[in-house]
Amino acid sequence: MHHAQKVLLIGTMILLKAMHVLFVHESTHDPSSEAGSEAVAGQGGKQTEGVSSADDNSDAHAYAYNTVMAVILAEGLKLAISAVIFIRAYCNDEGALLEGANGGAGGLGGARADWASMTRERALSYGLPAAIYMVEDNLRFLVLQQLHTPVTWMIFCHLEIPFVAIMSTTLLGRRFSRVQWVSVVLLLNGVMASQLAVCETRLHEPCNSLGNYPVKGIALVALSALFAASAGIASEFIYKRDLSVSIWLQNCLLYAYAMGLNSLVLLAKQMRPSSAPLWEGFEEGMPWAVVLSMAGMGLCVSAVIKHMSNLAKVFTSALGIFVTAGLSALFQGFELSLPFLLAAGVVVCALYLYVLEKDRVGEQAGHGHTAGAASPKRTKSTMDIPAKATDSATELAPLTKHQA
């Protein structure tokens, strides 16, 4: 991938992520959703009460459309795009086969070779990240329903970094340097300071009590960050384990599982007596904006996982804070106060320090492997992946957040 393509991918990823979060949050304030909790009980969102005294001035409305259906539509769109591109590549490989049959140098082309090499066990492994993404995608709607501003989501979703660090050390046996742990502490400090700035800007008074904060919403964001970190580690390992396999075939497998799992959730919801028609609410434009932005964001996430570095992923996520804050200020009246900008800057610096130290440690480890090149070689198993992919798989979870 060329440098210009990487820059374009990063910019697109930042914009789509910010727009998606903004669209989802905005759709919770659709006037049609204010008719009452009984009228919207089966429309995919859950009627919730204010989570604290700070929520009294901003009622949490239910969605006017079925949010699970929106997720299925986004997964279906991603699956359709990926399938069309892969099938086209598969058919184009037929020329190589014909050339080989006529005595030329033909043989299995790239797409056909990828399809032939995809074993049942490898295909089944894509179900795990799909299941985690299914939970994380649906949880995002519930969380944004209870927050005053989507900026809070963008800030607290970076809590996946500490989760990744903890899971990497406990489950994968990785070691983190002191600088990396300090950067994690700085990240948490910046997250808390930014939320404090948002609270004080909104209330125009010091936020000295727990009741000033949307505790339930923030707790759900932290839970969502945990799922995002888990899905990131699982999906990045699988995508880079099969590094030579077409990204479009990998996307087809991941999105097919996600679409099937979300369909089971939708079926369970529709079995309730209070369930509403599947397409109710989709006559408006906002649900389709949510679907399109979610689909585009998912495709960008898969490309970032497959082709780009952890540093690029971190900057994509960090810069998303400022893009979301800017869009919220433009369309929702969010006030960009100096304390918020300073706190957001601490978050970005902590993320940069974390990845910069990771790259330094990785380079030192690479020199160590070079010095010990004479050591005995071990047998390569079918689950072995390149060292670069292994490092990447245990680093920051993919952005999405998000969600492929």
Protein backbone atom coordinates (compact mmCIF):
# COMPACT_ATOMS: atom_id res chain seq x y z
CA MET A 1 0.00 0.00 0.00
CA HIS A 2 1.43 3.36 -1.08
CA HIS A 3 1.91 6.27 1.32
CA ALA A 4 -0.85 8.30 -0.34
CA GLN A 5 -3.24 5.38 0.02
CA LYS A 6 -2.39 5.06 3.72
CA VAL A 7 -3.03 8.76 4.30
CA LEU A 8 -6.35 8.49 2.48
CA LEU A 9 -7.32 5.43 4.50
CA ILE A 10 -6.45 7.14 7.79
CA GLY A 11 -8.42 10.25 6.88
CA THR A 12 -11.43 8.23 5.77
CA MET A 13 -11.29 6.13 8.92
CA ILE A 14 -11.19 9.17 11.20
CA LEU A 15 -14.10 10.86 9.43
CA LEU A 16 -16.32 7.77 9.23
CA LYS A 17 -15.76 6.86 12.87
CA ALA A 18 -16.63 10.37 14.03
CA MET A 19 -19.66 10.58 11.74
CA HIS A 20 -20.96 7.17 12.81
CA VAL A 21 -20.80 7.99 16.52
CA LEU A 22 -22.41 11.37 15.85
CA PHE A 23 -25.21 9.83 13.74
CA VAL A 24 -25.98 7.16 16.35
CA HIS A 25 -26.07 9.70 19.17
CA GLU A 26 -28.18 12.10 17.13
CA SER A 27 -30.70 9.38 16.26
CA THR A 28 -31.49 8.93 19.96
CA HIS A 29 -33.03 12.41 19.93
CA ASP A 30 -35.35 11.80 17.01
CA PRO A 31 -38.70 13.45 17.88
CA SER A 32 -40.55 10.32 16.74
CA SER A 33 -38.87 8.42 19.59
CA GLU A 34 -40.48 10.61 22.25
CA ALA A 35 -43.95 9.13 21.95
CA GLY A 36 -43.29 6.94 24.97
CA SER A 37 -41.48 3.88 26.08
CA GLU A 38 -44.37 1.53 25.19
CA ALA A 39 -44.47 2.65 21.57
CA VAL A 40 -40.80 1.94 21.01
CA ALA A 41 -40.22 -1.03 23.28
CA GLY A 42 -39.41 -3.35 20.40
CA GLN A 43 -37.58 -1.00 18.07
CA GLY A 44 -34.04 -2.13 18.90
CA GLY A 45 -33.25 0.48 21.53
CA LYS A 46 -34.12 0.15 25.19
CA GLN A 47 -35.99 2.93 26.95
CA THR A 48 -33.72 4.07 29.74
CA GLU A 49 -34.11 6.57 32.50
CA GLY A 50 -31.58 9.22 33.38
CA VAL A 51 -28.61 7.50 34.91
CA SER A 52 -27.90 10.25 37.37
CA SER A 53 -28.97 13.70 38.39
CA ALA A 54 -26.77 15.04 35.64
CA ASP A 55 -29.07 13.40 33.09
CA ASP A 56 -32.19 15.27 34.13
CA ASN A 57 -31.64 17.95 31.50
CA SER A 58 -31.01 15.47 28.70
CA ASP A 59 -33.56 12.64 28.54
CA ALA A 60 -32.31 9.37 27.10
CA HIS A 61 -34.76 8.56 24.29
CA ALA A 62 -35.29 5.21 22.67
CA TYR A 63 -34.31 4.75 19.05
CA ALA A 64 -37.04 5.18 16.44
CA TYR A 65 -35.69 2.20 14.48
CA ASN A 66 -34.52 -1.33 15.17
CA THR A 67 -30.82 -1.01 15.98
CA VAL A 68 -30.13 -4.73 15.53
CA MET A 69 -31.61 -4.46 12.04
CA ALA A 70 -29.28 -1.53 11.39
CA VAL A 71 -26.29 -3.67 12.39
CA ILE A 72 -27.47 -6.50 10.12
CA LEU A 73 -27.86 -4.11 7.19
CA ALA A 74 -24.35 -2.75 7.76
CA GLU A 75 -22.89 -6.26 7.96
CA GLY A 76 -24.82 -7.28 4.85
CA LEU A 77 -23.53 -4.27 2.92
CA LYS A 78 -19.93 -5.02 3.93
CA LEU A 79 -20.42 -8.68 3.01
CA ALA A 80 -21.89 -7.80 -0.39
CA ILE A 81 -19.05 -5.42 -1.27
CA SER A 82 -16.37 -7.88 -0.16
CA ALA A 83 -18.05 -10.81 -1.94
CA VAL A 84 -18.38 -8.93 -5.23
CA ILE A 85 -14.72 -7.92 -5.22
CA PHE A 86 -13.52 -11.42 -4.27
CA ILE A 87 -15.76 -13.18 -6.81
CA ARG A 88 -14.53 -10.84 -9.51
CA ALA A 89 -10.92 -11.67 -8.61
CA TYR A 90 -11.81 -15.37 -8.53
CA CYS A 91 -13.31 -15.22 -12.02
CA ASN A 92 -10.37 -13.25 -13.39
CA ASP A 93 -8.07 -16.07 -12.28
CA GLU A 94 -9.78 -18.35 -14.79
CA GLY A 95 -7.49 -17.01 -17.49
CA ALA A 96 -4.46 -18.36 -15.68
CA LEU A 97 -6.09 -21.77 -15.43
CA LEU A 98 -6.89 -21.83 -19.15
CA GLU A 99 -3.34 -20.82 -20.01
CA GLY A 100 -2.02 -23.68 -17.89
CA ALA A 101 -4.36 -26.16 -19.58
CA ASN A 102 -2.98 -25.12 -22.98
CA GLY A 103 0.58 -25.84 -21.94
CA GLY A 104 1.48 -22.42 -20.64
CA ALA A 105 2.74 -21.39 -17.23
CA GLY A 106 -0.71 -21.02 -15.72
CA GLY A 107 -1.94 -22.39 -12.45
CA LEU A 108 -4.11 -21.49 -9.51
CA GLY A 109 -4.49 -17.72 -9.33
CA GLY A 110 -4.41 -15.69 -6.15
CA ALA A 111 -8.13 -15.73 -5.32
CA ARG A 112 -8.56 -19.38 -6.32
CA ALA A 113 -5.49 -20.37 -4.31
CA ASP A 114 -6.84 -18.49 -1.29
CA TRP A 115 -10.17 -20.28 -1.58
CA ALA A 116 -8.51 -23.67 -1.98
CA SER A 117 -6.21 -23.11 1.01
CA MET A 118 -8.96 -21.97 3.38
CA THR A 119 -9.47 -25.01 5.58
CA ARG A 120 -12.56 -25.62 7.68
CA GLU A 121 -10.65 -25.00 10.91
CA ARG A 122 -9.33 -21.65 9.70
CA ALA A 123 -12.76 -20.59 8.45
CA LEU A 124 -14.37 -21.46 11.78
CA SER A 125 -11.82 -19.34 13.65
CA TYR A 126 -13.39 -16.17 12.22
CA GLY A 127 -16.51 -16.85 14.29
CA LEU A 128 -14.90 -15.77 17.58
CA PRO A 129 -14.08 -12.14 16.65
CA ALA A 130 -17.43 -11.92 14.85
CA ALA A 131 -19.25 -12.89 18.05
CA ILE A 132 -17.35 -10.31 20.10
CA TYR A 133 -17.94 -7.61 17.49
CA MET A 134 -21.65 -8.49 17.54
CA VAL A 135 -21.83 -7.70 21.24
CA GLU A 136 -19.71 -4.55 20.92
CA ASP A 137 -21.70 -3.16 17.97
CA ASN A 138 -25.05 -3.55 19.72
CA LEU A 139 -23.68 -2.28 23.02
CA ARG A 140 -22.55 0.92 21.31
CA PHE A 141 -26.18 1.87 20.60
CA LEU A 142 -27.15 1.33 24.23
CA VAL A 143 -24.22 3.39 25.49
CA LEU A 144 -24.65 6.38 23.17
CA GLN A 145 -28.30 6.49 24.16
CA GLN A 146 -27.27 7.52 27.67
CA LEU A 147 -24.45 10.00 27.06
CA HIS A 148 -24.82 13.75 26.76
CA THR A 149 -22.29 14.00 23.95
CA PRO A 150 -20.59 11.50 21.59
CA VAL A 151 -17.28 13.05 22.64
CA THR A 152 -17.54 11.11 25.91
CA TRP A 153 -17.69 7.88 23.91
CA MET A 154 -14.67 8.79 21.80
CA ILE A 155 -12.64 9.58 24.91
CA PHE A 156 -13.58 6.59 27.05
CA CYS A 157 -13.27 4.07 24.22
CA HIS A 158 -9.49 4.49 24.68
CA LEU A 159 -9.86 2.47 27.86
CA GLU A 160 -9.34 -0.51 25.57
CA ILE A 161 -5.60 0.27 25.73
CA PRO A 162 -5.27 -0.72 29.42
CA PHE A 163 -7.44 -3.76 28.75
CA VAL A 164 -5.17 -4.80 25.89
CA ALA A 165 -2.11 -4.31 28.09
CA ILE A 166 -3.57 -6.40 30.92
CA MET A 167 -4.79 -9.19 28.62
CA SER A 168 -1.50 -9.24 26.74
CA THR A 169 0.49 -9.73 29.94
CA THR A 170 -1.84 -12.25 31.58
CA LEU A 171 -3.06 -14.26 28.58
CA LEU A 172 -0.25 -13.91 26.05
CA GLY A 173 2.74 -13.56 28.35
CA ARG A 174 3.97 -10.28 26.88
CA ARG A 175 6.12 -7.92 28.93
CA PHE A 176 5.62 -4.16 28.98
CA SER A 177 8.29 -1.63 29.82
CA ARG A 178 7.93 0.91 32.60
CA VAL A 179 7.47 3.66 30.03
CA GLN A 180 4.52 1.81 28.53
CA TRP A 181 2.86 1.38 31.91
CA VAL A 182 3.44 5.09 32.64
CA SER A 183 1.77 5.93 29.32
CA VAL A 184 -1.23 3.80 30.34
CA VAL A 185 -1.52 5.79 33.60
CA LEU A 186 -1.25 9.06 31.65
CA LEU A 187 -3.97 7.82 29.32
CA LEU A 188 -6.32 7.15 32.22
CA ASN A 189 -5.50 10.57 33.69
CA GLY A 190 -6.27 12.28 30.40
CA VAL A 191 -9.54 10.38 30.01
CA MET A 192 -10.74 11.35 33.48
CA ALA A 193 -9.61 14.96 33.09
CA SER A 194 -11.40 15.31 29.77
CA GLN A 195 -14.65 13.97 31.21
CA LEU A 196 -14.28 16.41 34.11
CA ALA A 197 -13.86 19.24 31.61
CA VAL A 198 -16.95 18.13 29.65
CA CYS A 199 -19.01 17.96 32.85
CA GLU A 200 -17.97 21.38 34.15
CA THR A 201 -18.48 22.99 30.75
CA ARG A 202 -22.01 21.60 30.51
CA LEU A 203 -23.10 22.42 34.08
CA HIS A 204 -21.07 25.66 34.40
CA GLU A 205 -20.08 24.65 37.92
CA PRO A 206 -17.54 22.32 39.56
CA CYS A 207 -18.37 18.62 39.25
CA ASN A 208 -17.44 17.54 42.75
CA SER A 209 -19.95 14.72 43.28
CA LEU A 210 -20.50 11.38 41.61
CA GLY A 211 -24.03 12.41 40.76
CA ASN A 212 -22.71 14.93 38.24
CA TYR A 213 -21.49 12.15 35.94
CA PRO A 214 -23.39 9.62 33.78
CA VAL A 215 -21.96 6.73 35.79
CA LYS A 216 -23.98 4.01 34.09
CA GLY A 217 -23.11 5.28 30.63
CA ILE A 218 -19.40 5.54 31.43
CA ALA A 219 -19.41 2.04 32.91
CA LEU A 220 -21.00 0.71 29.73
CA VAL A 221 -18.37 2.50 27.63
CA ALA A 222 -15.68 0.77 29.69
CA LEU A 223 -17.41 -2.58 29.13
CA SER A 224 -17.60 -1.85 25.41
CA ALA A 225 -13.88 -1.02 25.43
CA LEU A 226 -13.21 -4.43 26.97
CA PHE A 227 -15.11 -6.14 24.16
CA ALA A 228 -13.33 -3.97 21.58
CA ALA A 229 -9.94 -4.93 22.99
CA SER A 230 -10.85 -8.63 22.94
CA ALA A 231 -12.19 -8.46 19.40
CA GLY A 232 -9.14 -6.50 18.30
CA ILE A 233 -6.67 -9.08 19.56
CA ALA A 234 -8.66 -11.97 18.07
CA SER A 235 -9.31 -10.43 14.66
CA GLU A 236 -5.83 -9.01 14.18
CA PHE A 237 -4.27 -12.36 15.03
CA ILE A 238 -6.47 -14.12 12.48
CA TYR A 239 -6.06 -11.53 9.72
CA LYS A 240 -2.28 -11.53 10.04
CA ARG A 241 -2.01 -15.25 10.63
CA ASP A 242 -3.40 -15.61 7.10
CA LEU A 243 -1.38 -12.66 5.85
CA SER A 244 -1.18 -13.96 2.25
CA VAL A 245 -4.92 -14.58 2.02
CA SER A 246 -7.05 -11.99 0.24
CA ILE A 247 -8.54 -9.45 2.63
CA TRP A 248 -11.83 -9.73 0.75
CA LEU A 249 -12.12 -13.45 1.49
CA GLN A 250 -11.31 -12.77 5.13
CA ASN A 251 -13.93 -10.03 5.19
CA CYS A 252 -16.52 -12.38 3.71
CA LEU A 253 -15.93 -14.92 6.46
CA LEU A 254 -15.98 -12.36 9.28
CA TYR A 255 -19.05 -10.50 8.02
CA ALA A 256 -20.98 -13.69 7.24
CA TYR A 257 -20.55 -14.85 10.83
CA ALA A 258 -21.47 -11.40 12.16
CA MET A 259 -24.58 -11.23 9.99
CA GLY A 260 -25.70 -14.69 11.09
CA LEU A 261 -25.16 -14.01 14.79
CA ASN A 262 -26.98 -10.68 14.64
CA SER A 263 -29.84 -12.40 12.80
CA LEU A 264 -30.24 -14.76 15.76
CA VAL A 265 -30.41 -11.76 18.10
CA LEU A 266 -33.00 -10.12 15.86
CA LEU A 267 -35.07 -13.32 15.77
CA ALA A 268 -35.07 -13.48 19.56
CA LYS A 269 -36.19 -9.83 19.78
CA GLN A 270 -38.96 -10.31 17.24
CA MET A 271 -40.40 -13.22 19.23
CA ARG A 272 -41.43 -10.79 21.97
CA PRO A 273 -45.12 -9.78 21.96
CA SER A 274 -44.19 -6.08 21.95
CA SER A 275 -41.92 -6.33 18.91
CA ALA A 276 -42.36 -3.69 16.21
CA PRO A 277 -42.14 -4.16 12.42
CA LEU A 278 -38.57 -4.71 11.22
CA TRP A 279 -38.50 -1.74 8.86
CA GLU A 280 -40.26 0.74 11.10
CA GLY A 281 -38.25 3.94 11.31
CA PHE A 282 -36.14 3.25 8.23
CA GLU A 283 -38.26 5.59 6.13
CA GLU A 284 -36.18 8.38 7.69
CA GLY A 285 -32.68 9.25 6.55
CA MET A 286 -30.83 9.05 9.88
CA PRO A 287 -30.97 5.23 10.25
CA TRP A 288 -29.50 4.84 6.78
CA ALA A 289 -26.76 7.32 7.64
CA VAL A 290 -25.96 5.10 10.64
CA VAL A 291 -25.89 1.99 8.42
CA LEU A 292 -23.71 3.51 5.69
CA SER A 293 -21.21 5.06 8.11
CA MET A 294 -20.99 1.81 10.07
CA ALA A 295 -20.37 -0.22 6.92
CA GLY A 296 -17.70 2.15 5.65
CA MET A 297 -16.01 2.25 9.03
CA GLY A 298 -15.95 -1.55 9.19
CA LEU A 299 -14.29 -1.88 5.79
CA CYS A 300 -11.67 0.69 6.78
CA VAL A 301 -10.99 -1.16 10.03
CA SER A 302 -10.30 -4.40 8.17
CA ALA A 303 -7.86 -2.60 5.88
CA VAL A 304 -6.09 -1.03 8.86
CA ILE A 305 -5.81 -4.43 10.55
CA LYS A 306 -4.44 -6.04 7.42
CA HIS A 307 -2.07 -3.49 5.96
CA MET A 308 -1.10 -0.79 8.43
CA SER A 309 0.98 -0.35 11.55
CA ASN A 310 -0.13 0.04 15.14
CA LEU A 311 1.12 3.64 15.08
CA ALA A 312 -1.30 4.47 12.28
CA LYS A 313 -4.16 2.84 14.15
CA VAL A 314 -3.40 4.78 17.32
CA PHE A 315 -3.26 8.12 15.53
CA THR A 316 -6.53 7.30 13.77
CA SER A 317 -8.19 6.69 17.12
CA ALA A 318 -6.58 9.65 18.89
CA LEU A 319 -7.31 12.18 16.17
CA GLY A 320 -10.90 10.95 16.18
CA ILE A 321 -11.36 12.71 19.53
CA PHE A 322 -10.76 16.12 17.96
CA VAL A 323 -12.79 15.35 14.81
CA THR A 324 -15.77 14.19 16.89
CA ALA A 325 -15.45 17.20 19.19
CA GLY A 326 -15.34 19.52 16.17
CA LEU A 327 -18.40 17.93 14.55
CA SER A 328 -20.26 17.98 17.87
CA ALA A 329 -19.41 21.66 18.31
CA LEU A 330 -20.63 22.36 14.78
CA PHE A 331 -23.88 20.39 14.84
CA GLN A 332 -24.75 19.83 18.51
CA GLY A 333 -23.48 22.96 20.24
CA PHE A 334 -20.68 21.21 22.12
CA GLU A 335 -18.34 23.76 23.73
CA LEU A 336 -14.64 23.27 22.99
CA SER A 337 -13.21 24.53 26.27
CA LEU A 338 -9.51 24.94 26.94
CA PRO A 339 -9.50 22.32 29.77
CA PHE A 340 -11.03 19.77 27.39
CA LEU A 341 -8.48 20.45 24.65
CA LEU A 342 -5.62 20.16 27.15
CA ALA A 343 -6.98 16.87 28.52
CA ALA A 344 -7.52 15.49 25.01
CA GLY A 345 -3.93 16.45 24.23
CA VAL A 346 -2.76 14.36 27.20
CA VAL A 347 -4.66 11.38 25.77
CA VAL A 348 -2.98 11.78 22.39
CA CYS A 349 0.48 12.16 23.94
CA ALA A 350 -0.05 9.06 26.09
CA LEU A 351 -1.07 7.04 23.03
CA TYR A 352 1.94 8.27 21.09
CA LEU A 353 4.31 7.49 23.97
CA TYR A 354 2.83 4.00 24.33
CA VAL A 355 3.36 3.03 20.69
CA LEU A 356 6.72 4.80 20.38
CA GLU A 357 8.06 2.78 23.31
CA LYS A 358 6.57 -0.39 21.84
CA ASP A 359 8.43 0.20 18.57
CA ARG A 360 11.68 0.82 20.47
CA VAL A 361 11.31 -2.41 22.44
CA GLY A 362 10.46 -4.25 19.24
CA GLU A 363 13.60 -2.99 17.52
CA GLN A 364 15.74 -4.11 20.47
CA ALA A 365 14.11 -7.53 20.35
CA GLY A 366 14.82 -7.70 16.62
CA HIS A 367 18.51 -6.96 17.20
CA GLY A 368 18.54 -9.66 19.85
CA HIS A 369 17.15 -12.19 17.40
CA THR A 370 19.78 -11.19 14.86
CA ALA A 371 22.57 -11.67 17.38
CA GLY A 372 21.24 -15.09 18.28
CA ALA A 373 20.72 -16.30 14.74
CA ALA A 374 22.87 -19.35 15.41
CA SER A 375 20.38 -20.75 17.91
CA PRO A 376 18.51 -23.92 16.91
CA LYS A 377 15.48 -23.44 14.69
CA ARG A 378 12.14 -24.70 15.85
CA THR A 379 9.62 -26.44 13.69
CA LYS A 380 7.03 -24.12 12.22
CA SER A 381 3.47 -25.16 12.99
CA THR A 382 0.33 -24.30 11.07
CA MET A 383 -0.59 -21.70 13.67
CA ASP A 384 2.71 -19.81 13.41
CA ILE A 385 2.52 -16.28 12.06
CA PRO A 386 5.18 -13.72 11.21
CA ALA A 387 6.83 -12.01 14.16
CA LYS A 388 5.54 -8.66 13.01
CA ALA A 389 2.01 -10.02 12.97
CA THR A 390 2.40 -11.50 16.43
CA ASP A 391 3.55 -8.18 17.89
CA SER A 392 0.71 -6.42 16.16
CA ALA A 393 -1.90 -8.89 17.31
CA THR A 394 -1.10 -8.23 20.95
CA GLU A 395 -1.06 -4.50 20.58
CA LEU A 396 -3.87 -2.02 20.29
CA ALA A 397 -7.23 -3.44 19.32
CA PRO A 398 -8.51 -2.30 15.93
CA LEU A 399 -10.42 0.97 15.92
CA THR A 400 -14.23 0.66 15.77
CA LYS A 401 -14.15 0.03 16.89
CA HIS A 402 -14.78 -0.93 15.85
CA GLN A 403 -15.88 -2.57 14.24
CA ALA A 404 -15.24 -4.38 11.31
